[in-house]
C-alpha atoms as a PDB file:
ATOM      1  CA  MET A   1      12.155  19.385  34.766  1.00  0.00           C
ATOM      2  CA  GLU A   2       9.811  16.879  36.376  1.00  0.00           C
ATOM      3  CA  PHE A   3       6.810  16.350  34.161  1.00  0.00           C
ATOM      4  CA  ALA A   4       3.860  13.995  34.404  1.00  0.00           C
ATOM      5  CA  LEU A   5       0.351  14.069  33.010  1.00  0.00           C
ATOM      6  CA  ASP A   6      -2.388  14.647  35.536  1.00  0.00           C
ATOM      7  CA  ALA A   7      -5.384  12.346  35.937  1.00  0.00           C
ATOM      8  CA  GLN A   8      -7.616  14.534  33.785  1.00  0.00           C
ATOM      9  CA  GLN A   9      -5.150  14.474  30.889  1.00  0.00           C
ATOM     10  CA  ARG A  10      -4.733  10.703  31.149  1.00  0.00           C
ATOM     11  CA  ASP A  11      -8.503  10.267  31.158  1.00  0.00           C
ATOM     12  CA  PHE A  12      -8.786  12.552  28.136  1.00  0.00           C
ATOM     13  CA  ALA A  13      -6.254  10.468  26.223  1.00  0.00           C
ATOM     14  CA  ALA A  14      -8.079   7.289  27.232  1.00  0.00           C
ATOM     15  CA  SER A  15     -11.395   8.668  26.011  1.00  0.00           C
ATOM     16  CA  ILE A  16      -9.856   9.468  22.629  1.00  0.00           C
ATOM     17  CA  ASP A  17      -8.384   5.967  22.417  1.00  0.00           C
ATOM     18  CA  ALA A  18     -11.738   4.406  23.280  1.00  0.00           C
ATOM     19  CA  ALA A  19     -13.578   6.402  20.624  1.00  0.00           C
ATOM     20  CA  LEU A  20     -11.030   5.969  17.845  1.00  0.00           C
ATOM     21  CA  GLY A  21     -10.332   2.351  18.737  1.00  0.00           C
ATOM     22  CA  ALA A  22     -13.992   1.559  18.116  1.00  0.00           C
ATOM     23  CA  ALA A  23     -13.943   3.263  14.707  1.00  0.00           C
ATOM     24  CA  ASP A  24     -12.565   1.735  11.532  1.00  0.00           C
ATOM     25  CA  LEU A  25      -9.669   4.157  11.086  1.00  0.00           C
ATOM     26  CA  PRO A  26      -7.805   2.082   8.463  1.00  0.00           C
ATOM     27  CA  GLY A  27     -10.991   1.977   6.395  1.00  0.00           C
ATOM     28  CA  ALA A  28     -11.489   5.726   6.828  1.00  0.00           C
ATOM     29  CA  VAL A  29      -7.917   6.462   5.740  1.00  0.00           C
ATOM     30  CA  ARG A  30      -8.215   4.244   2.664  1.00  0.00           C
ATOM     31  CA  ALA A  31     -11.548   5.818   1.759  1.00  0.00           C
ATOM     32  CA  TRP A  32     -10.095   9.317   2.204  1.00  0.00           C
ATOM     33  CA  SER A  33      -7.221   8.410  -0.115  1.00  0.00           C
ATOM     34  CA  ALA A  34      -9.746   7.249  -2.713  1.00  0.00           C
ATOM     35  CA  GLY A  35     -11.725  10.494  -2.504  1.00  0.00           C
ATOM     36  CA  ASP A  36     -14.501   9.349  -0.167  1.00  0.00           C
ATOM     37  CA  VAL A  37     -14.132  11.558   2.903  1.00  0.00           C
ATOM     38  CA  ALA A  38     -17.467  10.627   4.539  1.00  0.00           C
ATOM     39  CA  PRO A  39     -16.039   7.963   6.897  1.00  0.00           C
ATOM     40  CA  GLY A  40     -13.226  10.309   7.877  1.00  0.00           C
ATOM     41  CA  LEU A  41     -15.622  13.163   8.563  1.00  0.00           C
ATOM     42  CA  LYS A  42     -17.547  10.891  10.929  1.00  0.00           C
ATOM     43  CA  VAL A  43     -14.291  10.468  12.844  1.00  0.00           C
ATOM     44  CA  TRP A  44     -13.947  14.256  12.966  1.00  0.00           C
ATOM     45  CA  GLU A  45     -17.472  14.441  14.409  1.00  0.00           C
ATOM     46  CA  GLN A  46     -16.344  12.134  17.184  1.00  0.00           C
ATOM     47  CA  LEU A  47     -13.340  14.347  17.821  1.00  0.00           C
ATOM     48  CA  ALA A  48     -15.615  17.367  18.060  1.00  0.00           C
ATOM     49  CA  ASN A  49     -17.852  15.563  20.544  1.00  0.00           C
ATOM     50  CA  LEU A  50     -14.784  14.850  22.682  1.00  0.00           C
ATOM     51  CA  GLY A  51     -13.702  18.491  22.559  1.00  0.00           C
ATOM     52  CA  VAL A  52     -10.547  17.888  20.516  1.00  0.00           C
ATOM     53  CA  THR A  53     -11.449  20.435  17.831  1.00  0.00           C
ATOM     54  CA  ALA A  54     -12.125  23.057  20.518  1.00  0.00           C
ATOM     55  CA  LEU A  55      -8.945  22.548  22.544  1.00  0.00           C
ATOM     56  CA  ILE A  56      -7.120  25.816  21.886  1.00  0.00           C
ATOM     57  CA  VAL A  57     -10.036  27.847  20.585  1.00  0.00           C
ATOM     58  CA  PRO A  58     -10.678  30.817  22.952  1.00  0.00           C
ATOM     59  CA  GLU A  59     -13.522  30.471  25.428  1.00  0.00           C
ATOM     60  CA  LYS A  60     -15.298  33.477  23.931  1.00  0.00           C
ATOM     61  CA  PHE A  61     -15.852  31.337  20.828  1.00  0.00           C
ATOM     62  CA  ASP A  62     -17.056  28.334  22.831  1.00  0.00           C
ATOM     63  CA  GLY A  63     -13.613  26.788  22.887  1.00  0.00           C
ATOM     64  CA  LEU A  64     -11.825  25.124  25.780  1.00  0.00           C
ATOM     65  CA  ASP A  65      -8.812  27.491  25.822  1.00  0.00           C
ATOM     66  CA  ALA A  66      -6.759  24.482  26.904  1.00  0.00           C
ATOM     67  CA  SER A  67      -3.009  24.376  27.420  1.00  0.00           C
ATOM     68  CA  PRO A  68      -0.494  23.339  24.745  1.00  0.00           C
ATOM     69  CA  VAL A  69       0.187  20.239  26.854  1.00  0.00           C
ATOM     70  CA  ASP A  70      -3.456  19.223  26.503  1.00  0.00           C
ATOM     71  CA  LEU A  71      -3.080  19.764  22.765  1.00  0.00           C
ATOM     72  CA  VAL A  72      -0.079  17.446  22.398  1.00  0.00           C
ATOM     73  CA  VAL A  73      -1.727  14.802  24.587  1.00  0.00           C
ATOM     74  CA  ALA A  74      -4.660  14.725  22.164  1.00  0.00           C
ATOM     75  CA  LEU A  75      -2.617  14.979  18.975  1.00  0.00           C
ATOM     76  CA  GLU A  76      -0.406  12.098  20.060  1.00  0.00           C
ATOM     77  CA  ARG A  77      -3.469   9.859  20.200  1.00  0.00           C
ATOM     78  CA  LEU A  78      -4.648  11.087  16.797  1.00  0.00           C
ATOM     79  CA  GLY A  79      -1.220  10.181  15.436  1.00  0.00           C
ATOM     80  CA  TYR A  80      -1.497   6.739  17.009  1.00  0.00           C
ATOM     81  CA  TRP A  81      -4.792   6.066  15.235  1.00  0.00           C
ATOM     82  CA  CYS A  82      -3.662   7.707  11.965  1.00  0.00           C
ATOM     83  CA  VAL A  83      -6.618  10.111  11.746  1.00  0.00           C
ATOM     84  CA  PRO A  84      -6.991  11.481   8.194  1.00  0.00           C
ATOM     85  CA  GLY A  85      -7.424  15.129   7.252  1.00  0.00           C
ATOM     86  CA  PRO A  86      -5.670  18.422   8.074  1.00  0.00           C
ATOM     87  CA  VAL A  87      -5.241  17.530  11.748  1.00  0.00           C
ATOM     88  CA  THR A  88      -2.331  19.835  12.543  1.00  0.00           C
ATOM     89  CA  GLU A  89      -3.707  22.676  10.486  1.00  0.00           C
ATOM     90  CA  SER A  90      -7.298  22.683  11.729  1.00  0.00           C
ATOM     91  CA  ILE A  91      -6.811  21.722  15.385  1.00  0.00           C
ATOM     92  CA  ALA A  92      -3.505  23.420  16.220  1.00  0.00           C
ATOM     93  CA  VAL A  93      -2.725  26.165  13.691  1.00  0.00           C
ATOM     94  CA  ALA A  94      -6.007  27.691  12.519  1.00  0.00           C
ATOM     95  CA  PRO A  95      -7.191  28.528  16.077  1.00  0.00           C
ATOM     96  CA  VAL A  96      -4.111  30.746  16.442  1.00  0.00           C
ATOM     97  CA  LEU A  97      -4.623  32.429  13.068  1.00  0.00           C
ATOM     98  CA  LEU A  98      -8.356  32.919  13.752  1.00  0.00           C
ATOM     99  CA  SER A  99      -8.077  33.771  17.451  1.00  0.00           C
ATOM    100  CA  GLU A 100     -10.123  36.950  16.981  1.00  0.00           C
ATOM    101  CA  ASP A 101     -12.426  35.640  14.258  1.00  0.00           C
ATOM    102  CA  ASP A 102     -16.030  34.535  14.781  1.00  0.00           C
ATOM    103  CA  ARG A 103     -15.382  31.517  12.564  1.00  0.00           C
ATOM    104  CA  ALA A 104     -13.397  30.015  15.426  1.00  0.00           C
ATOM    105  CA  ALA A 105     -16.731  29.024  16.979  1.00  0.00           C
ATOM    106  CA  ALA A 106     -17.489  26.807  13.982  1.00  0.00           C
ATOM    107  CA  MET A 107     -14.052  25.198  14.325  1.00  0.00           C
ATOM    108  CA  ALA A 108     -14.663  24.507  17.995  1.00  0.00           C
ATOM    109  CA  ALA A 109     -17.969  22.831  17.192  1.00  0.00           C
ATOM    110  CA  GLY A 110     -16.381  20.721  14.481  1.00  0.00           C
ATOM    111  CA  GLU A 111     -18.509  22.386  11.825  1.00  0.00           C
ATOM    112  CA  LEU A 112     -15.516  23.936  10.031  1.00  0.00           C
ATOM    113  CA  ILE A 113     -12.306  22.156   9.021  1.00  0.00           C
ATOM    114  CA  VAL A 114      -9.452  24.444   8.033  1.00  0.00           C
ATOM    115  CA  SER A 115      -6.283  23.867   6.044  1.00  0.00           C
ATOM    116  CA  VAL A 116      -3.292  26.209   6.078  1.00  0.00           C
ATOM    117  CA  ALA A 117      -0.283  27.059   3.936  1.00  0.00           C
ATOM    118  CA  LEU A 118       2.544  28.989   5.559  1.00  0.00           C
ATOM    119  CA  PRO A 119       5.376  29.531   3.058  1.00  0.00           C
ATOM    120  CA  PRO A 120       8.251  28.922   2.875  1.00  0.00           C
ATOM    121  CA  GLU A 121       8.166  26.247   5.590  1.00  0.00           C
ATOM    122  CA  VAL A 122       4.709  24.996   4.596  1.00  0.00           C
ATOM    123  CA  PRO A 123       4.340  25.913   0.917  1.00  0.00           C
ATOM    124  CA  ARG A 124       1.175  23.913   0.223  1.00  0.00           C
ATOM    125  CA  ALA A 125      -2.088  23.250   2.036  1.00  0.00           C
ATOM    126  CA  VAL A 126      -2.832  19.624   2.892  1.00  0.00           C
ATOM    127  CA  ASN A 127      -6.316  18.243   2.150  1.00  0.00           C
ATOM    128  CA  ALA A 128      -7.419  21.711   1.089  1.00  0.00           C
ATOM    129  CA  ASP A 129     -10.114  20.225  -1.147  1.00  0.00           C
ATOM    130  CA  THR A 130     -11.947  18.825   1.879  1.00  0.00           C
ATOM    131  CA  ALA A 131     -11.537  21.914   4.081  1.00  0.00           C
ATOM    132  CA  GLY A 132     -14.306  24.449   4.477  1.00  0.00           C
ATOM    133  CA  LEU A 133     -11.724  27.230   4.730  1.00  0.00           C
ATOM    134  CA  VAL A 134      -8.162  27.522   3.445  1.00  0.00           C
ATOM    135  CA  LEU A 135      -5.740  30.084   4.847  1.00  0.00           C
ATOM    136  CA  LEU A 136      -2.480  31.469   3.461  1.00  0.00           C
ATOM    137  CA  ALA A 137      -0.224  33.019   6.094  1.00  0.00           C
ATOM    138  CA  GLY A 138       2.584  35.458   5.412  1.00  0.00           C
ATOM    139  CA  ALA A 139       5.174  36.818   7.818  1.00  0.00           C
ATOM    140  CA  GLU A 140       2.621  38.587  10.016  1.00  0.00           C
ATOM    141  CA  ASP A 141      -0.672  38.497   8.141  1.00  0.00           C
ATOM    142  CA  VAL A 142      -3.217  35.986   6.885  1.00  0.00           C
ATOM    143  CA  ASN A 143      -5.521  35.735   3.864  1.00  0.00           C
ATOM    144  CA  GLU A 144      -8.238  33.394   2.820  1.00  0.00           C
ATOM    145  CA  ALA A 145      -6.946  31.351  -0.090  1.00  0.00           C
ATOM    146  CA  GLN A 146      -8.208  29.615  -3.183  1.00  0.00           C
ATOM    147  CA  LEU A 147      -6.967  26.300  -4.516  1.00  0.00           C
ATOM    148  CA  GLY A 148      -4.517  25.858  -7.357  1.00  0.00           C
ATOM    149  CA  ASP A 149      -2.749  22.749  -8.620  1.00  0.00           C
ATOM    150  CA  ARG A 150      -2.958  19.461  -6.756  1.00  0.00           C
ATOM    151  CA  HIS A 151       0.192  17.522  -5.829  1.00  0.00           C
ATOM    152  CA  GLU A 152       0.411  13.961  -4.583  1.00  0.00           C
ATOM    153  CA  SER A 153       2.040  13.199  -1.233  1.00  0.00           C
ATOM    154  CA  VAL A 154       3.965  10.103  -0.210  1.00  0.00           C
ATOM    155  CA  ASP A 155       0.859   9.499   1.914  1.00  0.00           C
ATOM    156  CA  PRO A 156      -2.104   9.181  -0.498  1.00  0.00           C
ATOM    157  CA  SER A 157      -4.476  10.518   2.156  1.00  0.00           C
ATOM    158  CA  ARG A 158      -2.564  13.827   2.295  1.00  0.00           C
ATOM    159  CA  ALA A 159      -3.050  15.505  -1.087  1.00  0.00           C
ATOM    160  CA  LEU A 160      -1.257  18.879  -1.247  1.00  0.00           C
ATOM    161  CA  TYR A 161      -2.513  22.017  -2.995  1.00  0.00           C
ATOM    162  CA  ASP A 162      -0.944  25.203  -4.233  1.00  0.00           C
ATOM    163  CA  VAL A 163      -2.971  28.152  -2.936  1.00  0.00           C
ATOM    164  CA  THR A 164      -3.190  31.859  -3.729  1.00  0.00           C
ATOM    165  CA  ALA A 165      -4.440  34.665  -1.533  1.00  0.00           C
ATOM    166  CA  THR A 166      -7.899  36.074  -2.000  1.00  0.00           C
ATOM    167  CA  GLY A 167     -10.107  38.310   0.077  1.00  0.00           C
ATOM    168  CA  GLN A 168      -9.336  40.429   3.105  1.00  0.00           C
ATOM    169  CA  THR A 169      -6.018  40.421   4.980  1.00  0.00           C
ATOM    170  CA  TRP A 170      -5.788  40.409   8.786  1.00  0.00           C
ATOM    171  CA  GLN A 171      -2.989  40.389  11.335  1.00  0.00           C
ATOM    172  CA  ALA A 172      -2.147  37.276  13.364  1.00  0.00           C
ATOM    173  CA  ASP A 173       0.678  35.761  15.399  1.00  0.00           C
ATOM    174  CA  VAL A 174       2.018  33.706  12.516  1.00  0.00           C
ATOM    175  CA  ALA A 175       5.226  32.742  14.341  1.00  0.00           C
ATOM    176  CA  ARG A 176       3.208  31.234  17.183  1.00  0.00           C
ATOM    177  CA  ALA A 177       0.935  29.469  14.692  1.00  0.00           C
ATOM    178  CA  TYR A 178       3.972  27.917  13.019  1.00  0.00           C
ATOM    179  CA  ASP A 179       5.361  26.681  16.327  1.00  0.00           C
ATOM    180  CA  PHE A 180       2.006  25.147  17.211  1.00  0.00           C
ATOM    181  CA  GLY A 181       2.039  23.405  13.834  1.00  0.00           C
ATOM    182  CA  VAL A 182       5.488  21.976  14.475  1.00  0.00           C
ATOM    183  CA  LEU A 183       4.529  20.887  17.986  1.00  0.00           C
ATOM    184  CA  ALA A 184       1.320  19.207  16.823  1.00  0.00           C
ATOM    185  CA  THR A 185       3.156  17.367  14.057  1.00  0.00           C
ATOM    186  CA  ALA A 186       5.799  16.161  16.503  1.00  0.00           C
ATOM    187  CA  ALA A 187       3.080  14.843  18.819  1.00  0.00           C
ATOM    188  CA  GLN A 188       1.479  12.906  15.969  1.00  0.00           C
ATOM    189  CA  LEU A 189       4.855  11.401  15.074  1.00  0.00           C
ATOM    190  CA  VAL A 190       5.288  10.148  18.635  1.00  0.00           C
ATOM    191  CA  GLY A 191       1.829   8.581  18.503  1.00  0.00           C
ATOM    192  CA  ALA A 192       2.483   6.978  15.118  1.00  0.00           C
ATOM    193  CA  ALA A 193       5.818   5.603  16.345  1.00  0.00           C
ATOM    194  CA  GLU A 194       4.090   4.118  19.381  1.00  0.00           C
ATOM    195  CA  ALA A 195       1.484   2.471  17.148  1.00  0.00           C
ATOM    196  CA  LEU A 196       4.172   1.006  14.889  1.00  0.00           C
ATOM    197  CA  LEU A 197       5.993  -0.370  17.911  1.00  0.00           C
ATOM    198  CA  ALA A 198       2.817  -1.892  19.362  1.00  0.00           C
ATOM    199  CA  GLY A 199       1.999  -3.545  16.033  1.00  0.00           C
ATOM    200  CA  SER A 200       5.535  -4.894  15.688  1.00  0.00           C
ATOM    201  CA  VAL A 201       5.571  -6.339  19.207  1.00  0.00           C
ATOM    202  CA  GLU A 202       2.238  -8.044  18.623  1.00  0.00           C
ATOM    203  CA  TYR A 203       3.367  -9.488  15.287  1.00  0.00           C
ATOM    204  CA  ALA A 204       6.658 -10.685  16.775  1.00  0.00           C
ATOM    205  CA  LYS A 205       4.669 -12.699  19.321  1.00  0.00           C
ATOM    206  CA  GLN A 206       2.723 -14.468  16.572  1.00  0.00           C
ATOM    207  CA  ARG A 207       5.053 -15.062  13.641  1.00  0.00           C
ATOM    208  CA  SER A 208       7.179 -18.203  13.799  1.00  0.00           C
ATOM    209  CA  GLN A 209      10.438 -18.961  12.016  1.00  0.00           C
ATOM    210  CA  PHE A 210      12.564 -22.085  12.412  1.00  0.00           C
ATOM    211  CA  GLY A 211      10.099 -23.371  14.976  1.00  0.00           C
ATOM    212  CA  ARG A 212      10.262 -20.319  17.257  1.00  0.00           C
ATOM    213  CA  VAL A 213       8.283 -17.092  17.450  1.00  0.00           C
ATOM    214  CA  ILE A 214      10.493 -14.333  16.073  1.00  0.00           C
ATOM    215  CA  GLY A 215      10.014 -12.271  19.218  1.00  0.00           C
ATOM    216  CA  SER A 216      12.198 -14.748  21.072  1.00  0.00           C
ATOM    217  CA  TYR A 217      15.255 -13.855  18.965  1.00  0.00           C
ATOM    218  CA  GLN A 218      17.652 -11.354  20.520  1.00  0.00           C
ATOM    219  CA  ALA A 219      18.006  -9.384  17.294  1.00  0.00           C
ATOM    220  CA  ILE A 220      14.277  -8.669  17.221  1.00  0.00           C
ATOM    221  CA  LYS A 221      14.167  -7.903  20.953  1.00  0.00           C
ATOM    222  CA  HIS A 222      17.028  -5.412  20.691  1.00  0.00           C
ATOM    223  CA  LYS A 223      15.573  -3.756  17.610  1.00  0.00           C
ATOM    224  CA  LEU A 224      12.193  -3.189  19.240  1.00  0.00           C
ATOM    225  CA  ALA A 225      13.815  -2.117  22.517  1.00  0.00           C
ATOM    226  CA  ASP A 226      15.691   0.587  20.597  1.00  0.00           C
ATOM    227  CA  VAL A 227      12.382   1.851  19.217  1.00  0.00           C
ATOM    228  CA  HIS A 228      10.855   1.884  22.695  1.00  0.00           C
ATOM    229  CA  ILE A 229      13.767   3.959  23.987  1.00  0.00           C
ATOM    230  CA  ALA A 230      13.521   6.403  21.074  1.00  0.00           C
ATOM    231  CA  VAL A 231       9.787   6.904  21.633  1.00  0.00           C
ATOM    232  CA  GLU A 232      10.183   7.349  25.377  1.00  0.00           C
ATOM    233  CA  LEU A 233      12.947   9.916  24.828  1.00  0.00           C
ATOM    234  CA  ALA A 234      10.969  11.863  22.229  1.00  0.00           C
ATOM    235  CA  ARG A 235       7.712  12.045  24.206  1.00  0.00           C
ATOM    236  CA  PRO A 236       9.057  14.119  27.141  1.00  0.00           C
ATOM    237  CA  LEU A 237      10.785  16.446  24.687  1.00  0.00           C
ATOM    238  CA  VAL A 238       7.429  17.083  23.011  1.00  0.00           C
ATOM    239  CA  HIS A 239       5.679  17.564  26.357  1.00  0.00           C
ATOM    240  CA  GLY A 240       8.489  19.773  27.615  1.00  0.00           C
ATOM    241  CA  ALA A 241       8.342  21.931  24.492  1.00  0.00           C
ATOM    242  CA  ALA A 242       4.604  22.343  25.080  1.00  0.00           C
ATOM    243  CA  VAL A 243       5.462  23.762  28.503  1.00  0.00           C
ATOM    244  CA  THR A 244       8.216  26.167  27.456  1.00  0.00           C
ATOM    245  CA  LEU A 245       6.971  27.003  23.921  1.00  0.00           C
ATOM    246  CA  GLU A 246      10.539  27.995  23.102  1.00  0.00           C
ATOM    247  CA  PRO A 247      11.191  27.664  19.345  1.00  0.00           C
ATOM    248  CA  ARG A 248      14.463  25.837  20.069  1.00  0.00           C
ATOM    249  CA  ASP A 249      12.684  23.271  22.250  1.00  0.00           C
ATOM    250  CA  ILE A 250       9.897  22.806  19.720  1.00  0.00           C
ATOM    251  CA  SER A 251      12.366  22.168  16.907  1.00  0.00           C
ATOM    252  CA  ALA A 252      14.373  19.746  19.051  1.00  0.00           C
ATOM    253  CA  ALA A 253      11.161  17.876  19.846  1.00  0.00           C
ATOM    254  CA  LYS A 254      10.240  17.678  16.156  1.00  0.00           C
ATOM    255  CA  VAL A 255      13.652  16.247  15.266  1.00  0.00           C
ATOM    256  CA  ALA A 256      13.492  13.652  18.047  1.00  0.00           C
ATOM    257  CA  ALA A 257       9.923  12.674  17.171  1.00  0.00           C
ATOM    258  CA  GLY A 258      10.840  12.348  13.517  1.00  0.00           C
ATOM    259  CA  GLU A 259      13.821  10.136  14.335  1.00  0.00           C
ATOM    260  CA  ALA A 260      11.665   7.962  16.594  1.00  0.00           C
ATOM    261  CA  GLY A 261       9.065   7.666  13.870  1.00  0.00           C
ATOM    262  CA  LEU A 262      11.640   6.737  11.247  1.00  0.00           C
ATOM    263  CA  LEU A 263      13.257   4.125  13.486  1.00  0.00           C
ATOM    264  CA  ALA A 264       9.845   2.681  14.365  1.00  0.00           C
ATOM    265  CA  ALA A 265       8.895   2.524  10.675  1.00  0.00           C
ATOM    266  CA  ARG A 266      12.111   0.792   9.659  1.00  0.00           C
ATOM    267  CA  SER A 267      11.915  -1.685  12.510  1.00  0.00           C
ATOM    268  CA  ALA A 268       8.258  -2.411  11.837  1.00  0.00           C
ATOM    269  CA  LEU A 269       8.961  -3.117   8.174  1.00  0.00           C
ATOM    270  CA  GLN A 270      11.928  -5.341   9.033  1.00  0.00           C
ATOM    271  CA  THR A 271       9.882  -7.219  11.636  1.00  0.00           C
ATOM    272  CA  HIS A 272       6.872  -7.766   9.385  1.00  0.00           C
ATOM    273  CA  GLY A 273       8.806  -8.340   6.203  1.00  0.00           C
ATOM    274  CA  ALA A 274       7.532  -7.304   2.791  1.00  0.00           C
ATOM    275  CA  ILE A 275       3.912  -7.980   3.782  1.00  0.00           C
ATOM    276  CA  GLY A 276       3.994  -4.874   5.955  1.00  0.00           C
ATOM    277  CA  PHE A 277       4.261  -2.580   2.962  1.00  0.00           C
ATOM    278  CA  THR A 278       1.442  -4.065   0.927  1.00  0.00           C
ATOM    279  CA  GLN A 279      -1.637  -1.887   0.553  1.00  0.00           C
ATOM    280  CA  GLU A 280      -3.777  -4.564   2.170  1.00  0.00           C
ATOM    281  CA  HIS A 281      -1.841  -4.375   5.452  1.00  0.00           C
ATOM    282  CA  ASP A 282      -2.768  -1.600   7.887  1.00  0.00           C
ATOM    283  CA  LEU A 283       0.895  -1.124   8.767  1.00  0.00           C
ATOM    284  CA  SER A 284       1.471   0.537   5.402  1.00  0.00           C
ATOM    285  CA  LEU A 285      -0.818   3.415   6.381  1.00  0.00           C
ATOM    286  CA  LEU A 286       1.369   4.303   9.362  1.00  0.00           C
ATOM    287  CA  LEU A 287       4.580   3.834   7.383  1.00  0.00           C
ATOM    288  CA  LEU A 288       3.429   6.379   4.820  1.00  0.00           C
ATOM    289  CA  ARG A 289       2.067   8.758   7.453  1.00  0.00           C
ATOM    290  CA  VAL A 290       5.400   8.853   9.270  1.00  0.00           C
ATOM    291  CA  GLN A 291       7.238   9.583   6.035  1.00  0.00           C
ATOM    292  CA  ALA A 292       4.891  12.472   5.287  1.00  0.00           C
ATOM    293  CA  LEU A 293       4.945  13.967   8.793  1.00  0.00           C
ATOM    294  CA  ARG A 294       8.744  13.864   9.096  1.00  0.00           C
ATOM    295  CA  THR A 295       9.046  16.667   6.558  1.00  0.00           C
ATOM    296  CA  ALA A 296       5.714  18.391   7.249  1.00  0.00           C
ATOM    297  CA  TRP A 297       5.987  21.728   9.080  1.00  0.00           C
ATOM    298  CA  GLY A 298       9.728  21.907   8.493  1.00  0.00           C
ATOM    299  CA  THR A 299      12.281  19.308   7.473  1.00  0.00           C
ATOM    300  CA  PRO A 300      14.597  17.683  10.030  1.00  0.00           C
ATOM    301  CA  GLU A 301      17.456  19.714   8.568  1.00  0.00           C
ATOM    302  CA  ALA A 302      15.561  22.984   8.994  1.00  0.00           C
ATOM    303  CA  HIS A 303      14.770  22.221  12.619  1.00  0.00           C
ATOM    304  CA  ARG A 304      18.298  21.124  13.411  1.00  0.00           C
ATOM    305  CA  ARG A 305      19.458  24.425  11.954  1.00  0.00           C
ATOM    306  CA  ARG A 306      17.012  26.330  14.166  1.00  0.00           C
ATOM    307  CA  VAL A 307      18.289  24.521  17.245  1.00  0.00           C
ATOM    308  CA  LEU A 308      21.910  25.301  16.360  1.00  0.00           C
ATOM    309  CA  GLU A 309      21.145  28.950  15.697  1.00  0.00           C
ATOM    310  CA  ALA A 310      19.513  29.221  19.127  1.00  0.00           C
ATOM    311  CA  LEU A 311      22.536  27.843  21.000  1.00  0.00           C
END
């Protein structure tokens, strides 16, 4: 398969980078972790203005009805900038579960943020306390849900909540919603891995040891080259899965993106040293995000199993 982004998709990604690059995302993530979601919600307003929250909302609800490829292009950039909140759930999953619901218009406009639990793969709803609507999906149906106990995540900005069904039940394509959740999470992992690599390369150009910048040492060069290869192998798998929407391809993309993210995180920590994992360093935010996303929307083992069962 020959695949390349068109000019419009590249421009869309660039516009997201320009907007998020001008915002203080590390500050917003730290504030969100501390319970102050206001800075993060301002970021979500920017995303709404760019059309990100409307990407796969149907046109009849003022959405863009964009392709899954457009979705992963956007979500990759959100992963790069470590956007806080239920990104996968509200932008990729809820539009599928609410495809015939008038509330989709509020999602498209950025006025409604939604979190989702989809047991057993997604047993808890992330950031459900900051969402205007929480959904609990079964095998083929969906309910509104109310919050239960709170659980901490490895990423402090991603608090998890038990939820129980309440209110009316409606039918939805839950299997498709799950696959969109996996795909969106994989895209964010690719973006986060790219950000970790970029930060490591920049640091390796600045830090000196034994009178030489560490980026001049072959061990560092090879380590970062391996990360670059892993990211560049994972990205086309994610884009290709967005084209085919085959569950096997989506799971393979999630595994590859998770492995790229893990390798990027390890290499970034080794390149920076212990300073990279201190709370004061922005690198720590991406390290924790990658750890959380690797097991979100299905563990690597679960997705490897799905690939094997499809062969």
